[in-house]
Protein backbone atom coordinates (compact mmCIF):
# COMPACT_ATOMS: atom_id res chain seq x y z
CA MET A 1 164.43 209.80 273.75
CA SER A 2 162.92 210.99 270.55
CA MET A 3 159.54 211.70 272.14
CA ALA A 4 161.11 215.02 273.41
CA VAL A 5 159.86 217.80 271.53
CA GLY A 6 161.17 220.14 268.80
CA PRO A 7 163.22 223.14 269.57
CA SER A 8 161.71 225.92 271.55
CA ASP A 9 161.48 229.70 270.84
CA PHE A 10 164.84 230.17 272.48
CA THR A 11 166.66 227.86 269.96
CA ASP A 12 165.24 229.09 266.64
CA ARG A 13 168.34 230.93 265.93
CA ALA A 14 170.66 228.35 267.35
CA SER A 15 169.28 225.68 265.07
CA ALA A 16 170.52 227.73 262.07
CA ARG A 17 173.91 228.33 263.41
CA MET A 18 176.87 227.92 261.03
CA ILE A 19 180.45 226.66 261.66
CA ASP A 20 183.06 228.00 259.24
CA GLY A 21 180.32 228.71 256.68
CA ARG A 22 178.72 225.25 257.05
CA PRO A 23 175.67 224.22 258.83
CA ALA A 24 176.08 223.27 262.46
CA SER A 25 176.20 219.57 263.35
CA ARG A 26 173.03 217.83 264.78
CA ALA A 27 174.83 217.28 268.04
CA TRP A 28 175.49 220.98 268.23
CA GLN A 29 171.77 221.67 267.77
CA VAL A 30 170.60 219.12 270.25
CA VAL A 31 172.27 220.32 273.38
CA PRO A 32 170.96 223.94 273.32
CA SER A 33 167.50 222.52 272.25
CA ILE A 34 167.37 220.29 275.39
CA LEU A 35 168.63 223.11 277.64
CA ALA A 36 166.05 225.58 276.30
CA SER A 37 163.30 222.89 276.62
CA MET A 38 164.35 222.51 280.37
CA ALA A 39 163.76 226.27 280.79
CA SER A 40 160.60 226.50 278.85
CA ILE A 41 157.15 227.41 280.04
CA GLU A 42 156.00 223.84 279.30
CA ALA A 43 158.60 222.43 281.59
CA SER A 44 157.66 224.75 284.49
CA PHE A 45 153.97 224.08 283.85
CA ALA A 46 154.25 220.29 283.81
CA LEU A 47 156.28 220.44 286.96
CA PHE A 48 153.43 222.33 288.53
CA VAL A 49 150.83 219.78 287.30
CA PHE A 50 152.81 216.79 288.65
CA SER A 51 154.27 218.45 291.73
CA GLY A 52 151.75 216.63 293.90
CA ARG A 53 153.18 213.32 292.82
CA PHE A 54 156.87 214.10 293.55
CA LYS A 55 156.90 216.70 296.30
CA GLY A 56 156.19 214.06 298.93
CA LEU A 57 159.33 211.96 297.98
CA PRO A 58 161.77 211.61 300.96
CA GLY A 59 164.32 214.00 299.54
CA LEU A 60 161.75 216.82 298.91
CA ARG A 61 159.57 216.78 301.97
CA GLN A 62 161.75 219.22 303.85
CA SER A 63 161.70 221.66 301.01
CA PRO A 64 161.37 225.25 302.55
CA VAL A 65 158.83 226.23 299.93
CA ASP A 66 155.72 224.50 298.64
CA LEU A 67 156.76 223.19 295.14
CA THR A 68 153.31 223.34 293.76
CA LEU A 69 152.98 226.97 294.54
CA PHE A 70 156.60 227.60 293.42
CA PHE A 71 156.16 226.09 289.97
CA LEU A 72 152.83 227.84 289.64
CA VAL A 73 154.27 231.36 290.17
CA ALA A 74 157.17 230.44 287.95
CA THR A 75 154.74 229.42 285.12
CA PHE A 76 152.66 232.54 285.60
CA GLY A 77 155.89 234.54 285.40
CA LEU A 78 157.07 232.87 282.28
CA VAL A 79 153.49 233.14 280.65
CA GLY A 80 153.52 236.84 281.53
CA TRP A 81 156.81 237.40 279.81
CA GLY A 82 155.77 235.35 276.94
CA LEU A 83 152.57 237.48 276.33
CA THR A 84 154.41 240.66 276.64
CA SER A 85 157.18 239.70 274.25
CA GLY A 86 154.89 238.31 271.74
CA ARG A 87 156.05 234.67 272.01
CA LEU A 88 152.77 233.69 273.30
CA SER A 89 149.31 234.45 271.72
CA PRO A 90 146.58 235.45 274.19
CA LEU A 91 144.02 232.89 275.24
CA ARG A 92 141.16 232.74 272.73
CA LEU A 93 137.66 233.13 274.40
CA THR A 94 136.19 230.09 272.62
CA PRO A 95 132.78 228.71 273.89
CA PRO A 96 134.33 225.98 276.08
CA VAL A 97 136.71 228.55 277.78
CA VAL A 98 133.79 230.76 278.58
CA LEU A 99 131.81 227.80 279.86
CA MET A 100 134.72 226.93 282.13
CA LEU A 101 135.00 230.46 283.37
CA LEU A 102 131.20 230.22 284.29
CA PHE A 103 131.73 226.92 285.88
CA CYS A 104 134.52 228.37 288.12
CA GLU A 105 132.04 231.30 289.06
CA VAL A 106 129.36 228.82 290.00
CA ALA A 107 131.95 227.06 292.14
CA ALA A 108 132.95 230.28 293.89
CA MET A 109 129.28 231.34 294.37
CA SER A 110 128.33 227.95 295.83
CA ILE A 111 130.48 228.72 298.92
CA PHE A 112 127.83 230.99 300.10
CA TRP A 113 125.17 228.30 300.55
CA SER A 114 127.81 225.74 301.89
CA SER A 115 128.39 225.13 305.59
CA LEU A 116 131.26 227.74 305.35
CA ASP A 117 133.47 225.28 307.14
CA SER A 118 137.29 225.29 306.62
CA ILE A 119 136.88 222.18 304.43
CA ASN A 120 134.78 224.17 302.02
CA LEU A 121 137.08 227.27 301.90
CA ASP A 122 140.11 224.94 301.44
CA LYS A 123 138.48 223.06 298.52
CA LEU A 124 137.36 226.27 296.79
CA ALA A 125 140.73 227.79 297.00
CA ARG A 126 142.57 224.74 295.82
CA PHE A 127 140.10 224.34 292.90
CA LEU A 128 140.33 227.85 291.71
CA LEU A 129 144.01 228.37 292.26
CA LEU A 130 145.43 224.92 291.22
CA THR A 131 142.78 223.02 289.19
CA GLY A 132 141.38 225.98 287.36
CA SER A 133 144.74 227.39 286.64
CA GLY A 134 145.69 224.05 285.10
CA PHE A 135 142.97 224.22 282.65
CA PHE A 136 143.57 227.77 281.39
CA LEU A 137 147.36 227.49 281.26
CA ALA A 138 147.07 224.29 279.37
CA CYS A 139 144.54 225.86 277.08
CA LEU A 140 146.75 228.81 276.45
CA LEU A 141 149.92 226.68 275.79
CA ALA A 142 147.94 224.16 273.52
CA GLN A 143 147.14 226.80 271.05
CA ASP A 144 150.61 226.42 269.75
CA PRO A 145 151.24 222.92 268.17
CA VAL A 146 154.85 223.05 268.96
CA ARG A 147 154.19 223.92 272.67
CA ARG A 148 151.49 221.28 272.70
CA LYS A 149 153.86 218.65 271.46
CA ARG A 150 156.45 219.84 273.98
CA LEU A 151 153.94 219.57 276.93
CA ILE A 152 153.12 216.03 275.91
CA GLY A 153 156.83 215.24 275.91
CA TRP A 154 157.27 216.59 279.52
CA VAL A 155 154.22 214.81 280.77
CA ALA A 156 155.94 211.58 279.48
CA TRP A 157 159.36 212.45 280.88
CA LEU A 158 157.96 213.24 284.34
CA SER A 159 155.77 210.10 284.39
CA LEU A 160 158.89 208.13 283.41
CA GLY A 161 160.92 209.59 286.28
CA ILE A 162 158.24 208.78 288.83
CA VAL A 163 157.90 205.22 287.44
CA LEU A 164 161.74 204.72 287.67
CA TYR A 165 161.73 206.08 291.27
CA TYR A 166 159.02 203.59 292.22
CA LEU A 167 161.02 200.65 290.59
CA TYR A 168 164.09 201.86 292.45
CA TYR A 169 162.79 201.74 295.82
CA ARG A 170 160.64 198.66 295.21
CA TYR A 171 163.23 196.34 293.60
CA VAL A 172 166.38 197.98 294.73
CA LEU A 173 165.69 199.12 298.21
CA GLY A 174 163.03 196.33 298.70
CA ILE A 175 160.31 198.62 300.04
CA ASP A 176 156.86 197.28 299.26
CA THR A 177 154.24 200.02 298.95
CA MET A 178 151.32 197.81 299.89
CA THR A 179 152.92 196.87 303.26
CA GLU A 180 155.53 199.25 304.26
CA TYR A 181 155.39 202.59 302.39
CA TRP A 182 151.75 203.84 302.43
CA ILE A 183 151.73 207.48 303.11
CA ASP A 184 148.73 209.55 302.63
CA ARG A 185 149.34 212.47 300.55
CA GLU A 186 146.65 214.73 302.17
CA THR A 187 147.34 213.93 305.78
CA ASP A 188 150.95 212.85 305.78
CA GLY A 189 152.43 214.95 302.97
CA GLY A 190 153.14 212.73 300.24
CA ASP A 191 153.58 209.48 298.35
CA ASN A 192 150.99 206.76 297.95
CA TYR A 193 150.99 203.80 295.59
CA LEU A 194 147.75 204.84 293.85
CA GLU A 195 149.69 207.75 292.19
CA TYR A 196 152.45 205.57 291.05
CA GLY A 197 149.92 203.28 289.24
CA GLU A 198 148.29 206.42 287.53
CA ASN A 199 151.62 207.76 286.25
CA ALA A 200 152.50 204.40 284.97
CA ALA A 201 149.17 204.30 283.13
CA ILE A 202 149.77 207.78 281.60
CA LEU A 203 153.19 206.74 280.49
CA LEU A 204 151.95 203.60 278.95
CA MET A 205 149.27 205.55 277.08
CA ILE A 206 151.76 207.85 275.59
CA LEU A 207 154.39 205.11 274.63
CA VAL A 208 151.73 202.88 273.02
CA THR A 209 150.55 205.73 270.91
CA MET A 210 154.07 206.79 269.99
CA ALA A 211 154.99 203.17 269.00
CA THR A 212 151.74 202.99 266.99
CA LEU A 213 152.12 206.11 265.02
CA GLY A 214 155.71 207.01 265.31
CA SER A 215 158.87 205.76 263.44
CA TRP A 216 160.73 202.61 264.15
CA ARG A 217 163.06 204.45 266.50
CA HIS A 218 159.96 205.42 268.47
CA ILE A 219 159.27 201.65 268.85
CA LEU A 220 162.66 200.85 270.10
CA VAL A 221 162.21 203.72 272.78
CA ALA A 222 158.58 202.73 273.62
CA ALA A 223 159.44 199.04 274.20
CA PRO A 224 161.57 199.29 277.45
CA GLY A 225 159.48 202.18 278.65
CA SER A 226 156.26 200.16 278.34
CA GLY A 227 157.87 197.29 280.06
CA ALA A 228 158.76 199.47 283.02
CA ALA A 229 155.27 200.90 283.20
CA CYS A 230 153.60 197.36 283.03
CA CYS A 231 155.90 196.27 285.88
CA VAL A 232 154.62 199.13 288.07
CA LEU A 233 151.07 198.48 286.99
CA LEU A 234 151.20 194.83 288.12
CA SER A 235 153.13 195.30 291.36
CA VAL A 236 152.00 198.65 292.81
CA GLY A 237 148.57 197.24 293.92
CA SER A 238 146.30 199.79 292.23
CA ARG A 239 143.68 197.95 290.06
CA GLY A 240 142.13 200.94 288.37
CA PRO A 241 145.16 202.09 286.28
CA LEU A 242 145.73 198.67 284.96
CA ALA A 243 142.18 198.44 283.81
CA PHE A 244 142.20 201.81 282.22
CA SER A 245 145.44 201.16 280.55
CA ILE A 246 143.80 198.35 278.77
CA LEU A 247 140.93 200.50 277.99
CA SER A 248 143.21 203.27 276.47
CA VAL A 249 144.46 200.69 273.83
CA VAL A 250 140.82 200.05 272.87
CA ILE A 251 140.34 203.83 272.76
CA LEU A 252 143.41 204.20 270.45
CA GLY A 253 142.12 201.48 268.19
CA LEU A 254 138.81 203.37 267.78
CA VAL A 255 140.79 206.53 267.11
CA LEU A 256 142.68 204.81 264.50
CA ALA A 257 139.47 203.45 262.94
CA ILE A 258 138.06 206.90 262.38
CA ARG A 259 141.19 208.11 260.71
CA SER A 260 141.91 207.75 256.95
CA ARG A 261 141.63 204.24 255.80
CA SER A 262 145.07 204.38 254.12
CA GLY A 263 146.70 204.82 257.47
CA PHE A 264 144.57 202.53 259.61
CA HIS A 265 145.78 199.18 258.36
CA ARG A 266 149.47 199.83 258.98
CA SER A 267 148.89 201.54 262.36
CA GLY A 268 146.23 199.03 263.38
CA ARG A 269 148.61 196.17 262.74
CA ARG A 270 151.43 197.89 264.55
CA LEU A 271 149.15 198.60 267.58
CA ALA A 272 147.93 194.94 267.64
CA GLY A 273 151.46 193.69 267.32
CA PHE A 274 152.81 195.95 270.07
CA ALA A 275 149.94 195.18 272.46
CA ALA A 276 150.41 191.48 271.85
CA CYS A 277 153.98 191.72 272.66
CA ILE A 278 153.37 193.49 275.97
CA VAL A 279 150.72 190.80 276.84
CA VAL A 280 152.94 187.87 275.91
CA LEU A 281 155.77 189.31 277.98
CA GLY A 282 153.48 189.90 280.88
CA LEU A 283 152.11 186.46 280.80
CA VAL A 284 155.72 184.99 280.76
CA GLY A 285 156.64 187.06 283.58
CA TYR A 286 153.65 186.17 285.52
CA VAL A 287 154.08 182.44 284.96
CA ALA A 288 157.74 182.65 285.94
CA ALA A 289 156.81 184.38 289.14
CA ASN A 290 154.15 182.00 289.99
CA SER A 291 156.76 179.13 289.71
CA GLY A 292 159.09 180.89 292.09
CA THR A 293 159.00 181.76 295.74
CA ASP A 294 155.93 183.01 297.65
CA ALA A 295 157.46 186.44 297.83
CA GLU A 296 157.73 186.59 294.05
CA LYS A 297 154.12 185.51 293.75
CA GLU A 298 153.01 188.16 296.19
CA GLY A 299 154.64 190.86 294.10
CA PHE A 300 151.80 191.00 291.77
CA HIS A 301 149.71 193.10 293.97
CA THR A 302 147.28 194.43 291.32
CA ILE A 303 146.33 190.90 290.03
CA GLU A 304 145.96 189.75 293.59
CA ARG A 305 143.52 192.61 294.44
CA ILE A 306 141.54 192.00 291.26
CA ARG A 307 141.21 188.47 292.14
CA THR A 308 139.93 189.00 295.75
CA GLN A 309 137.64 191.66 294.37
CA LEU A 310 136.11 189.38 291.79
CA SER A 311 135.85 186.40 294.19
CA GLY A 312 134.22 188.52 296.88
CA GLU A 313 136.95 187.88 299.46
CA ASP A 314 137.73 191.67 299.91
CA THR A 315 135.30 194.21 298.42
CA LEU A 316 135.73 196.95 300.97
CA SER A 317 137.31 199.46 298.73
CA MET A 318 134.66 199.15 296.12
CA ASP A 319 131.95 198.95 298.67
CA LEU A 320 133.05 202.23 300.26
CA ARG A 321 133.05 203.99 296.84
CA ALA A 322 129.73 202.70 296.08
CA GLY A 323 128.34 204.02 299.33
CA GLY A 324 129.88 207.39 298.60
CA ARG A 325 128.28 207.55 295.16
CA THR A 326 124.98 206.62 296.57
CA LEU A 327 125.40 209.40 299.26
CA ALA A 328 126.20 211.95 296.71
CA PHE A 329 123.22 211.05 294.46
CA ASN A 330 120.75 210.96 297.25
CA GLN A 331 121.85 214.37 298.53
CA TRP A 332 121.71 215.83 295.10
CA LEU A 333 118.00 214.82 294.97
CA ARG A 334 117.50 216.92 298.08
CA LYS A 335 118.95 220.08 296.41
CA PRO A 336 118.93 219.42 292.70
CA LEU A 337 119.33 222.86 291.22
CA LEU A 338 122.30 224.48 293.01
CA GLY A 339 123.56 221.63 295.24
CA TRP A 340 124.95 221.94 298.77
CA GLY A 341 128.01 224.01 297.94
CA ILE A 342 131.59 223.16 297.07
CA GLY A 343 133.27 220.95 299.45
CA GLU A 344 130.11 219.84 301.14
CA PHE A 345 130.53 216.16 300.55
CA ARG A 346 133.77 216.06 302.51
CA VAL A 347 131.99 217.95 305.33
CA GLN A 348 129.24 215.24 305.45
CA ASP A 349 131.72 212.30 304.93
CA ASN A 350 135.17 213.24 306.10
CA PHE A 351 136.32 209.57 305.84
CA LEU A 352 135.84 208.88 302.19
CA ARG A 353 136.30 212.65 301.35
CA TYR A 354 134.88 212.54 297.78
CA PRO A 355 132.35 210.23 295.97
CA HIS A 356 134.98 208.95 293.37
CA ASN A 357 132.91 210.10 290.61
CA THR A 358 133.37 213.70 289.36
CA LEU A 359 129.99 214.14 287.79
CA LEU A 360 128.23 213.06 291.08
CA GLU A 361 130.63 215.23 293.08
CA VAL A 362 129.61 218.25 290.86
CA LEU A 363 125.83 217.39 290.88
CA MET A 364 125.86 217.18 294.71
CA GLU A 365 127.98 220.33 295.35
CA MET A 366 126.86 222.60 292.40
CA GLY A 367 123.55 221.03 291.29
CA LEU A 368 122.33 220.91 287.78
CA VAL A 369 123.59 224.43 287.00
CA GLY A 370 127.23 223.38 287.62
CA ALA A 371 126.72 219.85 286.08
CA CYS A 372 125.40 221.24 282.71
CA LEU A 373 128.30 223.73 282.42
CA TYR A 374 130.72 220.87 283.22
CA VAL A 375 129.19 218.43 280.79
CA ALA A 376 128.94 221.05 278.06
CA VAL A 377 132.72 221.57 278.26
CA LEU A 378 133.28 217.79 278.13
CA MET A 379 130.99 217.33 275.19
CA ASP A 380 132.89 220.11 273.22
CA CYS A 381 136.11 218.30 274.10
CA ILE A 382 134.81 215.02 272.62
CA LEU A 383 133.78 216.72 269.47
CA ARG A 384 137.18 218.37 269.17
CA CYS A 385 138.78 214.94 269.69
CA TRP A 386 136.73 213.66 266.71
CA ARG A 387 137.83 216.63 264.41
CA VAL A 388 141.41 216.31 265.58
CA ALA A 389 141.60 212.57 265.02
CA ARG A 390 140.19 212.93 261.37
CA ALA A 391 142.44 215.81 260.47
CA PRO A 392 145.05 214.37 257.98
CA PRO A 393 148.13 216.14 259.38
CA THR A 394 147.57 214.93 262.96
CA GLY A 395 150.70 213.53 264.57
CA TRP A 396 151.24 211.02 267.34
CA PRO A 397 151.38 213.78 270.09
CA ASP A 398 147.89 214.96 269.26
CA ILE A 399 146.61 211.39 269.19
CA ALA A 400 148.31 210.67 272.60
CA MET A 401 146.48 213.81 273.91
CA ILE A 402 143.29 212.48 272.74
CA VAL A 403 143.90 209.03 274.33
CA LEU A 404 144.90 210.66 277.61
CA PHE A 405 141.81 212.80 277.83
CA LEU A 406 139.20 210.08 276.79
CA THR A 407 140.76 207.52 279.05
CA THR A 408 140.99 209.74 282.04
CA LEU A 409 137.34 211.00 281.29
CA CYS A 410 136.20 207.42 281.73
CA TRP A 411 138.26 207.17 284.87
CA GLU A 412 136.70 210.31 286.35
CA MET A 413 133.17 209.38 285.49
CA THR A 414 133.43 205.92 287.32
CA VAL A 415 135.93 205.54 290.08
CA GLU A 416 137.86 208.72 290.74
CA GLY A 417 137.92 212.50 290.70
CA TYR A 418 138.28 215.27 293.29
CA LEU A 419 137.99 218.78 292.01
CA ALA A 420 140.52 220.28 294.55
CA ASP A 421 143.33 217.94 293.24
CA ASP A 422 142.07 217.40 289.71
CA ARG A 423 144.64 219.51 287.86
CA ILE A 424 146.00 216.64 285.79
CA PHE A 425 142.60 215.93 284.21
CA PHE A 426 141.76 219.59 283.81
CA THR A 427 145.10 220.01 282.01
CA PHE A 428 144.17 217.35 279.68
CA ILE A 429 140.73 219.12 279.09
CA GLY A 430 142.53 222.28 278.51
CA MET A 431 144.96 220.79 275.98
CA VAL A 432 141.94 219.48 273.96
CA VAL A 433 140.20 222.75 274.21
CA GLY A 434 143.27 224.73 273.13
CA SER A 435 144.10 222.50 270.13
CA ARG A 436 142.68 223.29 266.80
CA VAL A 437 142.54 221.31 263.57
CA VAL A 438 145.05 222.66 261.04
CA GLN A 439 143.27 222.74 257.59
CA ARG A 440 145.13 221.95 254.49
CA PRO A 441 144.88 224.70 251.84
CA ALA A 442 142.04 224.21 249.31
CA LEU A 443 143.11 222.73 246.07
CA ILE A 444 142.94 225.02 243.22
CA ALA A 445 140.74 223.73 240.42
CA LYS A 446 142.58 223.05 237.28
């Protein structure tokens, strides 16, 4: 799968090996490159970021160690070795990095005007140790374009693995997540259908970007992967990921529009053609399923849930979220400057747990002070996305990074978000902050 990244630091010499005075064959170079990539910092970090999505799988629930903390410690160890050996550059203290440090400090200080309940302490610890680490580690790694590309590759590979696992137990084992396999990750230790939909959406965003801006070989890889992701999005029962996958295609089209005109027409036509193929195949599959048995019709859980939502038959989920957002906004009005303290929403509403809107969550718990710092970081990221998109050398991995960040930002500002478990989104923020536009050398006047 060619979306895997270039050789790591460990294989720089291996790629130049000679056999009997001749350059080594390509196959000779690929194997050590793959092995080195599997032992890279980016692989360990990606496993840490997505550990919450796979450590609850049946074969991993009895692990003697917490996989999240294991991969976090492993990543810190590899980063420390990379810094001391000179393979990694220290983190640059750019304005958004400083703002994020201040945001973490405000979150830590807010514990003192909270209820000081175990819920408050747990959320603060998880936010600083896991979510905050995700941002700073991603920012550090994204400073290197090769490592940034490798990290995007690992995000895609892990999302693909999670998608294939869902397809296996749904269509091979015959276990339906909507009726038989709901396990709440927080209370029962793992595995709920919402997260499968989110990973399918992440995979689809990367593959559509790769098919649009990559080579024809990339299209051949992206086509079956996109089909698998769409299958999960339709059958898993999570409405949001499907809607935001469609939004990501629109965002990618806007990104292409602000790029150079010479590249937009070809890439735009390819995006339109690839998206049209996915839609046509999806409609054909939907019509075929509707002409089959009732069991086949019921397999399209996402479409059924959207239908009942729009028809007003079952609006419980959206009603609960709307009530949570109303509660968060009204409570913020009572303490607008500093908020109620981190974790306080869950103290006051332990059923919904969070308002499903990150900005309202920050406003209620950290007030205007925390919200201004948070929004400032996001605004800087949006400006960086603009600059990266307009940079002529920008390749598809950086465009995929932009699409992932902007789409997830829309997701976080409307229906999702919980700071204690938000390390995937904060990883995307860190990648954008760590990236920088590579300027072409100035032309020498004749």
